[in-house]
């Protein structure tokens, strides 16, 4: 028993194609294109992209935390250097 794309079959029938020709066309499209493995491959690619996007979001969040820490560290270093400079001028 061959499989066919029901949506394609229904569309061909609605367009006025004879039933036997619509069935053969839908079966031929399924056999020639390999629709199910193709759709499974696309779904697999989409799930992989979602996983990659999730990892990317985590990496961006980590970079933001690191940038905040670096800003605070730079602020303390600058404040310390200014304090030393002021002390040297006033001494």
C-alpha atoms as a PDB file:
ATOM      1  CA  UNK A   1       0.000   0.000   0.000  1.00  0.00           C
ATOM      2  CA  UNK A   2       1.457   3.344  -1.008  1.00  0.00           C
ATOM      3  CA  UNK A   3       1.081   6.448   1.073  1.00  0.00           C
ATOM      4  CA  UNK A   4      -0.063   9.779  -0.232  1.00  0.00           C
ATOM      5  CA  UNK A   5      -0.383  13.331   0.932  1.00  0.00           C
ATOM      6  CA  UNK A   6      -4.014  13.797   1.882  1.00  0.00           C
ATOM      7  CA  UNK A   7      -3.832  17.594   1.655  1.00  0.00           C
ATOM      8  CA  UNK A   8      -2.484  17.427  -1.887  1.00  0.00           C
ATOM      9  CA  UNK A   9      -5.120  14.863  -2.856  1.00  0.00           C
ATOM     10  CA  UNK A  10      -7.901  17.030  -1.398  1.00  0.00           C
ATOM     11  CA  UNK A  11      -6.559  20.109  -3.161  1.00  0.00           C
ATOM     12  CA  UNK A  12      -6.431  18.323  -6.510  1.00  0.00           C
ATOM     13  CA  UNK A  13      -9.978  17.053  -6.091  1.00  0.00           C
ATOM     14  CA  UNK A  14     -11.164  20.556  -5.126  1.00  0.00           C
ATOM     15  CA  UNK A  15      -9.433  21.924  -8.226  1.00  0.00           C
ATOM     16  CA  UNK A  16     -11.502  19.589 -10.379  1.00  0.00           C
ATOM     17  CA  UNK A  17      -8.998  16.844 -11.127  1.00  0.00           C
ATOM     18  CA  UNK A  18     -10.381  13.317 -11.631  1.00  0.00           C
ATOM     19  CA  UNK A  19     -10.147  11.163  -8.512  1.00  0.00           C
ATOM     20  CA  UNK A  20      -7.827   8.515  -9.969  1.00  0.00           C
ATOM     21  CA  UNK A  21      -5.408  11.127 -11.342  1.00  0.00           C
ATOM     22  CA  UNK A  22      -5.432  13.072  -8.067  1.00  0.00           C
ATOM     23  CA  UNK A  23      -4.648   9.888  -6.121  1.00  0.00           C
ATOM     24  CA  UNK A  24      -1.777   8.944  -8.478  1.00  0.00           C
ATOM     25  CA  UNK A  25      -0.334  12.461  -8.323  1.00  0.00           C
ATOM     26  CA  UNK A  26      -0.467  12.530  -4.520  1.00  0.00           C
ATOM     27  CA  UNK A  27       1.168   9.095  -4.319  1.00  0.00           C
ATOM     28  CA  UNK A  28       3.846  10.082  -6.825  1.00  0.00           C
ATOM     29  CA  UNK A  29       4.693  13.247  -4.882  1.00  0.00           C
ATOM     30  CA  UNK A  30       5.053  11.244  -1.693  1.00  0.00           C
ATOM     31  CA  UNK A  31       7.270   8.635  -3.333  1.00  0.00           C
ATOM     32  CA  UNK A  32       9.470  11.044  -5.268  1.00  0.00           C
ATOM     33  CA  UNK A  33      10.009  13.680  -2.616  1.00  0.00           C
ATOM     34  CA  UNK A  34      10.250  11.500   0.485  1.00  0.00           C
ATOM     35  CA  UNK A  35       8.104  13.911   2.470  1.00  0.00           C
ATOM     36  CA  UNK A  36       8.061  12.172   5.836  1.00  0.00           C
ATOM     37  CA  UNK A  37      11.855  11.845   6.207  1.00  0.00           C
ATOM     38  CA  UNK A  38      12.184  15.419   4.955  1.00  0.00           C
ATOM     39  CA  UNK A  39       9.721  16.727   7.544  1.00  0.00           C
ATOM     40  CA  UNK A  40      11.423  14.722  10.271  1.00  0.00           C
ATOM     41  CA  UNK A  41      14.748  16.203   9.228  1.00  0.00           C
ATOM     42  CA  UNK A  42      13.277  19.720   9.329  1.00  0.00           C
ATOM     43  CA  UNK A  43      11.802  19.086  12.791  1.00  0.00           C
ATOM     44  CA  UNK A  44      15.172  17.776  13.931  1.00  0.00           C
ATOM     45  CA  UNK A  45      16.890  20.897  12.591  1.00  0.00           C
ATOM     46  CA  UNK A  46      14.365  23.144  14.329  1.00  0.00           C
ATOM     47  CA  UNK A  47      14.849  21.391  17.674  1.00  0.00           C
ATOM     48  CA  UNK A  48      18.630  21.694  17.258  1.00  0.00           C
ATOM     49  CA  UNK A  49      18.266  25.416  16.535  1.00  0.00           C
ATOM     50  CA  UNK A  50      16.124  25.836  19.656  1.00  0.00           C
ATOM     51  CA  UNK A  51      18.786  24.077  21.710  1.00  0.00           C
ATOM     52  CA  UNK A  52      21.505  26.291  20.218  1.00  0.00           C
ATOM     53  CA  UNK A  53      19.435  29.411  20.883  1.00  0.00           C
ATOM     54  CA  UNK A  54      18.980  28.372  24.502  1.00  0.00           C
ATOM     55  CA  UNK A  55      22.743  27.913  24.891  1.00  0.00           C
ATOM     56  CA  UNK A  56      23.337  31.286  23.246  1.00  0.00           C
ATOM     57  CA  UNK A  57      20.943  32.984  25.680  1.00  0.00           C
ATOM     58  CA  UNK A  58      22.824  31.422  28.601  1.00  0.00           C
ATOM     59  CA  UNK A  59      26.153  32.586  27.183  1.00  0.00           C
ATOM     60  CA  UNK A  60      24.876  36.149  26.707  1.00  0.00           C
ATOM     61  CA  UNK A  61      23.558  36.218  30.276  1.00  0.00           C
ATOM     62  CA  UNK A  62      26.955  35.058  31.544  1.00  0.00           C
ATOM     63  CA  UNK A  63      28.728  37.755  29.503  1.00  0.00           C
ATOM     64  CA  UNK A  64      26.414  40.407  30.960  1.00  0.00           C
ATOM     65  CA  UNK A  65      27.255  39.252  34.496  1.00  0.00           C
ATOM     66  CA  UNK A  66      30.964  39.322  33.703  1.00  0.00           C
ATOM     67  CA  UNK A  67      30.710  42.808  32.180  1.00  0.00           C
ATOM     68  CA  UNK A  68      28.957  44.088  35.308  1.00  0.00           C
ATOM     69  CA  UNK A  69      31.708  42.636  37.504  1.00  0.00           C
ATOM     70  CA  UNK A  70      34.385  44.231  35.301  1.00  0.00           C
ATOM     71  CA  UNK A  71      32.651  47.634  35.579  1.00  0.00           C
ATOM     72  CA  UNK A  72      32.675  47.430  39.371  1.00  0.00           C
ATOM     73  CA  UNK A  73      36.313  46.318  39.414  1.00  0.00           C
ATOM     74  CA  UNK A  74      37.306  49.198  37.140  1.00  0.00           C
ATOM     75  CA  UNK A  75      35.391  51.641  39.339  1.00  0.00           C
ATOM     76  CA  UNK A  76      37.220  50.497  42.472  1.00  0.00           C
ATOM     77  CA  UNK A  77      40.606  50.651  40.749  1.00  0.00           C
ATOM     78  CA  UNK A  78      39.931  54.165  39.471  1.00  0.00           C
ATOM     79  CA  UNK A  79      38.710  55.311  42.889  1.00  0.00           C
ATOM     80  CA  UNK A  80      41.819  53.838  44.515  1.00  0.00           C
ATOM     81  CA  UNK A  81      44.129  55.537  41.992  1.00  0.00           C
ATOM     82  CA  UNK A  82      42.387  58.885  42.478  1.00  0.00           C
ATOM     83  CA  UNK A  83      42.726  58.498  46.258  1.00  0.00           C
ATOM     84  CA  UNK A  84      46.465  57.820  45.888  1.00  0.00           C
ATOM     85  CA  UNK A  85      46.869  60.793  43.539  1.00  0.00           C
ATOM     86  CA  UNK A  86      45.004  63.127  45.925  1.00  0.00           C
ATOM     87  CA  UNK A  87      47.062  61.893  48.866  1.00  0.00           C
ATOM     88  CA  UNK A  88      50.299  62.536  46.967  1.00  0.00           C
ATOM     89  CA  UNK A  89      49.197  66.064  46.048  1.00  0.00           C
ATOM     90  CA  UNK A  90      48.162  66.942  49.601  1.00  0.00           C
ATOM     91  CA  UNK A  91      51.201  65.455  51.288  1.00  0.00           C
END
